[in-house]
Amino acid sequence: MKLLEYGFCLLAIAASAVSCTREDGVWDPIKTDSREITIPPQGGSAVVTMKNYKGWWIYAVQYAANGENRTIDGGEFEFGKFKNEWCEIIVPSESPNKLYVALKDNDGLETRKIDVGMTVGDAFTCIKIMQESALLTAPNE
């Protein structure tokens, strides 16, 4: 576990050294190919690509699902991965400018809404994810 913590610290130091070519507070906004994702009720996955920096990380996740409304900051999960029983969000080390999102089927009574806070240096953005309930989209009988 300590090795992982030290590895993350070294990664953070290396990233800040490489990305500190600008004055503090003068960062271009993060550009992505999408800021909103819709996953089908039966589950699925999607990828968001950041276009103007080499790597980013997750700093917070907020979700409303299954009667639960939570905000989780980076102290409660790895900065490159958030996972629970129905959701997995990853910034893979081999593609640090990508965000992979995978959701299991939504058989609950409500739409799942997830906001993923992403950052690189002093630039921030939010990726919004939505997944309707299979029960809400099922044809009436």
N, C-alpha and C. Protein backbone atom coordinates (compact mmCIF):
# COMPACT_ATOMS: atom_id res chain seq x y z
N MET A 1 0.82 -1.19 0.00
CA MET A 1 0.00 0.00 0.00
C MET A 1 0.87 1.26 0.00
N LYS A 2 1.93 1.24 0.82
CA LYS A 2 2.83 2.40 0.86
C LYS A 2 3.48 2.63 -0.49
N LEU A 3 3.82 1.54 -1.18
CA LEU A 3 4.43 1.66 -2.50
C LEU A 3 3.50 2.37 -3.46
N LEU A 4 2.20 2.05 -3.39
CA LEU A 4 1.21 2.72 -4.24
C LEU A 4 1.13 4.20 -3.91
N GLU A 5 1.14 4.54 -2.61
CA GLU A 5 1.09 5.94 -2.20
C GLU A 5 2.33 6.69 -2.69
N TYR A 6 3.51 6.09 -2.54
CA TYR A 6 4.73 6.74 -3.00
C TYR A 6 4.72 6.88 -4.52
N GLY A 7 4.22 5.85 -5.20
CA GLY A 7 4.13 5.92 -6.67
C GLY A 7 3.23 7.05 -7.10
N PHE A 8 2.09 7.22 -6.41
CA PHE A 8 1.18 8.31 -6.75
C PHE A 8 1.83 9.66 -6.49
N CYS A 9 2.53 9.77 -5.37
CA CYS A 9 3.21 11.04 -5.07
C CYS A 9 4.25 11.38 -6.13
N LEU A 10 5.03 10.38 -6.54
CA LEU A 10 6.02 10.61 -7.59
C LEU A 10 5.34 11.01 -8.90
N LEU A 11 4.23 10.36 -9.22
CA LEU A 11 3.48 10.70 -10.42
C LEU A 11 2.97 12.13 -10.35
N ALA A 12 2.43 12.51 -9.19
CA ALA A 12 1.92 13.88 -9.03
C ALA A 12 3.04 14.91 -9.16
N ILE A 13 4.21 14.62 -8.58
CA ILE A 13 5.35 15.54 -8.69
C ILE A 13 5.82 15.64 -10.13
N ALA A 14 5.93 14.49 -10.81
CA ALA A 14 6.36 14.50 -12.21
C ALA A 14 5.36 15.25 -13.08
N ALA A 15 4.08 15.02 -12.85
CA ALA A 15 3.05 15.70 -13.65
C ALA A 15 3.09 17.20 -13.44
N SER A 16 3.29 17.62 -12.18
CA SER A 16 3.32 19.05 -11.93
C SER A 16 4.58 19.69 -12.51
N ALA A 17 5.69 18.96 -12.49
CA ALA A 17 6.92 19.50 -13.07
C ALA A 17 6.80 19.66 -14.57
N VAL A 18 6.16 18.70 -15.22
CA VAL A 18 5.99 18.76 -16.67
C VAL A 18 4.97 19.82 -17.06
N SER A 19 3.91 19.94 -16.25
CA SER A 19 2.82 20.82 -16.63
C SER A 19 2.96 22.24 -16.10
N CYS A 20 4.00 22.55 -15.37
CA CYS A 20 4.15 23.88 -14.80
C CYS A 20 4.89 24.83 -15.73
N THR A 21 4.52 24.83 -16.98
CA THR A 21 5.12 25.75 -17.92
C THR A 21 4.33 27.05 -18.00
N ARG A 22 3.24 27.14 -17.29
CA ARG A 22 2.41 28.34 -17.29
C ARG A 22 2.48 29.01 -15.92
N GLU A 23 2.13 30.27 -15.90
CA GLU A 23 2.01 30.96 -14.63
C GLU A 23 0.89 30.33 -13.81
N ASP A 24 1.03 30.34 -12.49
CA ASP A 24 -0.04 29.82 -11.66
C ASP A 24 -1.33 30.57 -11.95
N GLY A 25 -2.42 29.82 -12.09
CA GLY A 25 -3.73 30.42 -12.32
C GLY A 25 -4.02 30.72 -13.78
N VAL A 26 -3.08 30.51 -14.69
CA VAL A 26 -3.30 30.79 -16.10
C VAL A 26 -3.25 29.47 -16.86
N TRP A 27 -4.33 28.72 -16.79
CA TRP A 27 -4.44 27.42 -17.44
C TRP A 27 -5.57 27.47 -18.45
N ASP A 28 -5.33 26.89 -19.62
CA ASP A 28 -6.41 26.77 -20.59
C ASP A 28 -7.47 25.84 -20.04
N PRO A 29 -8.74 26.10 -20.33
CA PRO A 29 -9.78 25.17 -19.90
C PRO A 29 -9.56 23.78 -20.50
N ILE A 30 -9.94 22.76 -19.78
CA ILE A 30 -9.84 21.39 -20.29
C ILE A 30 -10.81 21.23 -21.45
N LYS A 31 -10.30 20.69 -22.55
CA LYS A 31 -11.14 20.43 -23.73
C LYS A 31 -11.33 18.93 -23.86
N THR A 32 -12.57 18.50 -24.06
CA THR A 32 -12.88 17.09 -24.21
C THR A 32 -13.74 16.87 -25.45
N ASP A 33 -13.83 15.63 -25.87
CA ASP A 33 -14.71 15.33 -27.00
C ASP A 33 -16.16 15.20 -26.56
N SER A 34 -16.42 15.17 -25.24
CA SER A 34 -17.78 15.11 -24.72
C SER A 34 -17.77 15.50 -23.25
N ARG A 35 -18.80 16.21 -22.83
CA ARG A 35 -18.94 16.54 -21.41
C ARG A 35 -20.17 15.86 -20.81
N GLU A 36 -20.98 15.23 -21.67
CA GLU A 36 -22.17 14.53 -21.20
C GLU A 36 -22.24 13.16 -21.87
N ILE A 37 -22.49 12.14 -21.06
CA ILE A 37 -22.57 10.76 -21.55
C ILE A 37 -23.91 10.19 -21.12
N THR A 38 -24.53 9.44 -22.01
CA THR A 38 -25.73 8.69 -21.66
C THR A 38 -25.44 7.21 -21.89
N ILE A 39 -25.62 6.42 -20.85
CA ILE A 39 -25.43 4.98 -20.90
C ILE A 39 -26.82 4.35 -20.95
N PRO A 40 -27.04 3.36 -21.79
CA PRO A 40 -28.37 2.74 -21.87
C PRO A 40 -28.76 2.04 -20.57
N PRO A 41 -30.07 1.88 -20.33
CA PRO A 41 -30.53 1.24 -19.09
C PRO A 41 -29.95 -0.16 -18.88
N GLN A 42 -29.70 -0.91 -19.95
CA GLN A 42 -29.17 -2.27 -19.81
C GLN A 42 -27.68 -2.28 -19.50
N GLY A 43 -27.07 -1.12 -19.35
CA GLY A 43 -25.65 -1.02 -19.02
C GLY A 43 -24.80 -0.81 -20.26
N GLY A 44 -23.57 -0.49 -20.06
CA GLY A 44 -22.66 -0.26 -21.18
C GLY A 44 -21.49 0.58 -20.74
N SER A 45 -20.73 1.04 -21.74
CA SER A 45 -19.54 1.82 -21.43
C SER A 45 -19.37 2.95 -22.44
N ALA A 46 -18.53 3.89 -22.07
CA ALA A 46 -18.22 5.03 -22.92
C ALA A 46 -16.82 5.53 -22.57
N VAL A 47 -16.24 6.30 -23.48
CA VAL A 47 -14.91 6.87 -23.28
C VAL A 47 -14.98 8.37 -23.57
N VAL A 48 -14.37 9.15 -22.71
CA VAL A 48 -14.21 10.59 -22.93
C VAL A 48 -12.71 10.83 -23.09
N THR A 49 -12.35 11.60 -24.12
CA THR A 49 -10.95 11.90 -24.37
C THR A 49 -10.69 13.38 -24.11
N MET A 50 -9.68 13.66 -23.30
CA MET A 50 -9.23 15.02 -23.08
C MET A 50 -8.27 15.37 -24.21
N LYS A 51 -8.42 16.55 -24.79
CA LYS A 51 -7.69 16.87 -26.00
C LYS A 51 -6.47 17.78 -25.82
N ASN A 52 -6.41 18.56 -24.75
CA ASN A 52 -5.35 19.56 -24.71
C ASN A 52 -4.32 19.40 -23.59
N TYR A 53 -4.37 18.32 -22.83
CA TYR A 53 -3.33 18.03 -21.84
C TYR A 53 -2.99 16.54 -21.95
N LYS A 54 -1.87 16.15 -21.37
CA LYS A 54 -1.42 14.76 -21.50
C LYS A 54 -2.06 13.82 -20.49
N GLY A 55 -2.51 14.32 -19.36
CA GLY A 55 -3.10 13.45 -18.36
C GLY A 55 -3.96 14.23 -17.39
N TRP A 56 -4.96 13.57 -16.86
CA TRP A 56 -5.85 14.17 -15.88
C TRP A 56 -6.18 13.14 -14.83
N TRP A 57 -6.90 13.56 -13.78
CA TRP A 57 -7.30 12.61 -12.75
C TRP A 57 -8.64 13.03 -12.15
N ILE A 58 -9.24 12.08 -11.47
CA ILE A 58 -10.54 12.27 -10.83
C ILE A 58 -10.31 12.91 -9.46
N TYR A 59 -10.98 14.03 -9.18
CA TYR A 59 -10.83 14.62 -7.85
C TYR A 59 -12.10 14.47 -7.01
N ALA A 60 -13.25 14.21 -7.64
CA ALA A 60 -14.48 14.02 -6.87
C ALA A 60 -15.53 13.34 -7.75
N VAL A 61 -16.41 12.61 -7.10
CA VAL A 61 -17.54 11.98 -7.77
C VAL A 61 -18.79 12.28 -6.95
N GLN A 62 -19.83 12.74 -7.63
CA GLN A 62 -21.11 12.98 -6.98
C GLN A 62 -22.15 12.17 -7.74
N TYR A 63 -22.98 11.42 -7.02
CA TYR A 63 -24.00 10.66 -7.72
C TYR A 63 -25.30 10.61 -6.95
N ALA A 64 -26.38 10.47 -7.72
CA ALA A 64 -27.72 10.24 -7.19
C ALA A 64 -28.20 8.96 -7.87
N ALA A 65 -28.39 7.92 -7.07
CA ALA A 65 -28.80 6.63 -7.60
C ALA A 65 -29.32 5.76 -6.48
N ASN A 66 -30.32 4.96 -6.81
CA ASN A 66 -30.85 3.98 -5.86
C ASN A 66 -31.24 4.61 -4.52
N GLY A 67 -31.81 5.80 -4.58
CA GLY A 67 -32.23 6.48 -3.36
C GLY A 67 -31.09 7.09 -2.56
N GLU A 68 -29.91 7.08 -3.10
CA GLU A 68 -28.73 7.59 -2.40
C GLU A 68 -28.18 8.79 -3.14
N ASN A 69 -27.75 9.79 -2.40
CA ASN A 69 -27.15 10.99 -2.98
C ASN A 69 -25.84 11.21 -2.25
N ARG A 70 -24.71 11.02 -2.94
CA ARG A 70 -23.40 11.09 -2.28
C ARG A 70 -22.43 11.96 -3.05
N THR A 71 -21.56 12.60 -2.31
CA THR A 71 -20.40 13.28 -2.87
C THR A 71 -19.17 12.66 -2.23
N ILE A 72 -18.25 12.19 -3.08
CA ILE A 72 -17.06 11.50 -2.61
C ILE A 72 -15.85 12.22 -3.17
N ASP A 73 -14.93 12.63 -2.30
CA ASP A 73 -13.73 13.30 -2.81
C ASP A 73 -12.60 12.31 -2.95
N GLY A 74 -11.51 12.76 -3.52
CA GLY A 74 -10.37 11.90 -3.82
C GLY A 74 -9.75 11.20 -2.64
N GLY A 75 -10.02 11.65 -1.43
CA GLY A 75 -9.49 10.98 -0.26
C GLY A 75 -10.13 9.62 -0.01
N GLU A 76 -11.27 9.35 -0.65
CA GLU A 76 -11.98 8.10 -0.43
C GLU A 76 -11.80 7.09 -1.55
N PHE A 77 -11.05 7.43 -2.59
CA PHE A 77 -10.80 6.51 -3.70
C PHE A 77 -9.49 6.89 -4.36
N GLU A 78 -8.99 6.02 -5.23
CA GLU A 78 -7.77 6.33 -5.98
C GLU A 78 -8.09 7.43 -6.99
N PHE A 79 -7.16 8.32 -7.26
CA PHE A 79 -7.42 9.43 -8.16
C PHE A 79 -7.60 8.99 -9.60
N GLY A 80 -7.20 7.79 -9.92
CA GLY A 80 -7.36 7.27 -11.27
C GLY A 80 -8.49 6.28 -11.41
N LYS A 81 -9.22 6.00 -10.29
CA LYS A 81 -10.26 4.97 -10.37
C LYS A 81 -11.30 5.17 -9.27
N PHE A 82 -12.56 5.15 -9.70
CA PHE A 82 -13.68 5.13 -8.76
C PHE A 82 -14.52 3.91 -9.11
N LYS A 83 -14.90 3.14 -8.09
CA LYS A 83 -15.68 1.94 -8.34
C LYS A 83 -16.64 1.68 -7.20
N ASN A 84 -17.87 1.28 -7.55
CA ASN A 84 -18.81 0.76 -6.56
C ASN A 84 -19.50 -0.45 -7.17
N GLU A 85 -20.61 -0.90 -6.60
CA GLU A 85 -21.23 -2.14 -7.07
C GLU A 85 -21.86 -2.04 -8.46
N TRP A 86 -22.12 -0.85 -8.98
CA TRP A 86 -22.76 -0.71 -10.29
C TRP A 86 -22.00 0.21 -11.25
N CYS A 87 -20.89 0.75 -10.82
CA CYS A 87 -20.19 1.77 -11.61
C CYS A 87 -18.68 1.60 -11.51
N GLU A 88 -17.99 1.81 -12.64
CA GLU A 88 -16.53 1.84 -12.64
C GLU A 88 -16.09 2.97 -13.56
N ILE A 89 -15.28 3.87 -13.01
CA ILE A 89 -14.77 5.02 -13.76
C ILE A 89 -13.25 5.00 -13.61
N ILE A 90 -12.54 4.99 -14.74
CA ILE A 90 -11.09 4.78 -14.69
C ILE A 90 -10.37 5.75 -15.62
N VAL A 91 -9.25 6.29 -15.16
CA VAL A 91 -8.26 6.95 -16.01
C VAL A 91 -7.11 5.95 -16.09
N PRO A 92 -6.99 5.22 -17.20
CA PRO A 92 -5.97 4.17 -17.26
C PRO A 92 -4.56 4.76 -17.38
N SER A 93 -3.60 4.12 -16.73
CA SER A 93 -2.23 4.62 -16.76
C SER A 93 -1.65 4.59 -18.17
N GLU A 94 -2.09 3.65 -19.00
CA GLU A 94 -1.58 3.58 -20.37
C GLU A 94 -2.21 4.63 -21.30
N SER A 95 -3.32 5.24 -20.89
CA SER A 95 -3.99 6.30 -21.67
C SER A 95 -4.46 7.38 -20.71
N PRO A 96 -3.55 8.18 -20.13
CA PRO A 96 -3.93 9.10 -19.07
C PRO A 96 -4.77 10.30 -19.52
N ASN A 97 -5.04 10.42 -20.82
CA ASN A 97 -5.93 11.49 -21.28
C ASN A 97 -7.33 10.95 -21.58
N LYS A 98 -7.62 9.71 -21.17
CA LYS A 98 -8.93 9.08 -21.39
C LYS A 98 -9.63 8.90 -20.05
N LEU A 99 -10.95 8.85 -20.12
CA LEU A 99 -11.78 8.50 -18.97
C LEU A 99 -12.73 7.41 -19.44
N TYR A 100 -12.60 6.22 -18.88
CA TYR A 100 -13.46 5.10 -19.23
C TYR A 100 -14.56 4.98 -18.18
N VAL A 101 -15.79 4.86 -18.66
CA VAL A 101 -16.96 4.76 -17.79
C VAL A 101 -17.69 3.48 -18.14
N ALA A 102 -18.00 2.66 -17.15
CA ALA A 102 -18.79 1.45 -17.36
C ALA A 102 -19.84 1.35 -16.26
N LEU A 103 -21.10 1.17 -16.66
CA LEU A 103 -22.19 1.04 -15.72
C LEU A 103 -22.91 -0.28 -15.95
N LYS A 104 -23.30 -0.93 -14.87
CA LYS A 104 -24.11 -2.14 -14.97
C LYS A 104 -25.55 -1.74 -15.23
N ASP A 105 -26.39 -2.72 -15.50
CA ASP A 105 -27.80 -2.42 -15.81
C ASP A 105 -28.45 -1.70 -14.63
N ASN A 106 -29.35 -0.80 -14.97
CA ASN A 106 -30.06 -0.01 -13.97
C ASN A 106 -31.47 -0.56 -13.83
N ASP A 107 -31.65 -1.47 -12.89
CA ASP A 107 -32.96 -2.03 -12.64
C ASP A 107 -33.65 -1.36 -11.45
N GLY A 108 -33.11 -0.22 -11.04
CA GLY A 108 -33.71 0.55 -9.94
C GLY A 108 -34.90 1.35 -10.43
N LEU A 109 -35.47 2.13 -9.53
CA LEU A 109 -36.67 2.90 -9.85
C LEU A 109 -36.38 4.31 -10.35
N GLU A 110 -35.12 4.72 -10.37
CA GLU A 110 -34.81 6.10 -10.76
C GLU A 110 -33.62 6.16 -11.71
N THR A 111 -33.53 7.28 -12.39
CA THR A 111 -32.40 7.54 -13.28
C THR A 111 -31.14 7.76 -12.44
N ARG A 112 -30.03 7.19 -12.89
CA ARG A 112 -28.75 7.43 -12.23
C ARG A 112 -28.12 8.67 -12.83
N LYS A 113 -27.63 9.55 -11.97
CA LYS A 113 -26.94 10.76 -12.41
C LYS A 113 -25.60 10.82 -11.68
N ILE A 114 -24.53 10.95 -12.46
CA ILE A 114 -23.19 10.97 -11.90
C ILE A 114 -22.44 12.17 -12.46
N ASP A 115 -21.81 12.94 -11.60
CA ASP A 115 -20.93 14.02 -12.00
C ASP A 115 -19.52 13.64 -11.58
N VAL A 116 -18.60 13.61 -12.54
CA VAL A 116 -17.22 13.25 -12.26
C VAL A 116 -16.37 14.51 -12.41
N GLY A 117 -15.78 14.96 -11.31
CA GLY A 117 -14.90 16.12 -11.33
C GLY A 117 -13.51 15.70 -11.77
N MET A 118 -13.02 16.32 -12.85
CA MET A 118 -11.71 16.00 -13.41
C MET A 118 -10.81 17.23 -13.31
N THR A 119 -9.52 16.98 -13.12
CA THR A 119 -8.58 18.10 -13.02
C THR A 119 -7.24 17.74 -13.64
N VAL A 120 -6.55 18.77 -14.06
CA VAL A 120 -5.15 18.71 -14.45
C VAL A 120 -4.57 20.07 -14.04
N GLY A 121 -3.62 20.05 -13.10
CA GLY A 121 -3.07 21.32 -12.61
C GLY A 121 -4.17 22.19 -12.03
N ASP A 122 -4.28 23.41 -12.54
CA ASP A 122 -5.32 24.34 -12.09
C ASP A 122 -6.48 24.42 -13.06
N ALA A 123 -6.64 23.42 -13.92
CA ALA A 123 -7.77 23.37 -14.85
C ALA A 123 -8.72 22.26 -14.38
N PHE A 124 -10.02 22.55 -14.43
CA PHE A 124 -11.02 21.63 -13.93
C PHE A 124 -12.16 21.51 -14.93
N THR A 125 -12.84 20.37 -14.91
CA THR A 125 -14.06 20.19 -15.69
C THR A 125 -14.92 19.13 -15.02
N CYS A 126 -16.15 19.03 -15.46
CA CYS A 126 -17.08 18.04 -14.93
C CYS A 126 -17.64 17.23 -16.10
N ILE A 127 -17.61 15.92 -15.97
CA ILE A 127 -18.21 15.02 -16.95
C ILE A 127 -19.51 14.53 -16.33
N LYS A 128 -20.62 14.73 -17.03
CA LYS A 128 -21.94 14.33 -16.54
C LYS A 128 -22.33 13.02 -17.21
N ILE A 129 -22.77 12.07 -16.39
CA ILE A 129 -23.17 10.75 -16.87
C ILE A 129 -24.61 10.51 -16.43
N MET A 130 -25.42 9.98 -17.34
CA MET A 130 -26.81 9.69 -17.01
C MET A 130 -27.17 8.30 -17.52
N GLN A 131 -27.96 7.59 -16.73
CA GLN A 131 -28.45 6.27 -17.13
C GLN A 131 -29.89 6.13 -16.62
N GLU A 132 -30.83 6.05 -17.55
CA GLU A 132 -32.22 5.88 -17.16
C GLU A 132 -32.45 4.49 -16.58
N SER A 133 -33.51 4.37 -15.84
CA SER A 133 -33.89 3.08 -15.26
C SER A 133 -34.54 2.21 -16.33
N ALA A 134 -34.21 0.93 -16.33
CA ALA A 134 -34.87 -0.01 -17.25
C ALA A 134 -36.37 -0.08 -16.95
N LEU A 135 -36.75 0.12 -15.71
CA LEU A 135 -38.16 0.08 -15.33
C LEU A 135 -38.92 1.28 -15.89
N LEU A 136 -38.25 2.42 -15.99
CA LEU A 136 -38.89 3.62 -16.52
C LEU A 136 -39.01 3.61 -18.04
N THR A 137 -38.12 2.88 -18.70
CA THR A 137 -38.13 2.87 -20.16
C THR A 137 -38.79 1.63 -20.73
N ALA A 138 -39.23 0.69 -19.87
CA ALA A 138 -39.87 -0.53 -20.35
C ALA A 138 -41.22 -0.18 -20.97
N PRO A 139 -41.61 -0.86 -22.06
CA PRO A 139 -42.91 -0.58 -22.67
C PRO A 139 -44.05 -0.96 -21.73
N ASN A 140 -45.11 -0.18 -21.80
CA ASN A 140 -46.29 -0.46 -20.97
C ASN A 140 -46.97 -1.73 -21.44
N GLU A 141 -47.46 -2.49 -20.48
CA GLU A 141 -48.13 -3.74 -20.85
C GLU A 141 -49.61 -3.60 -20.71
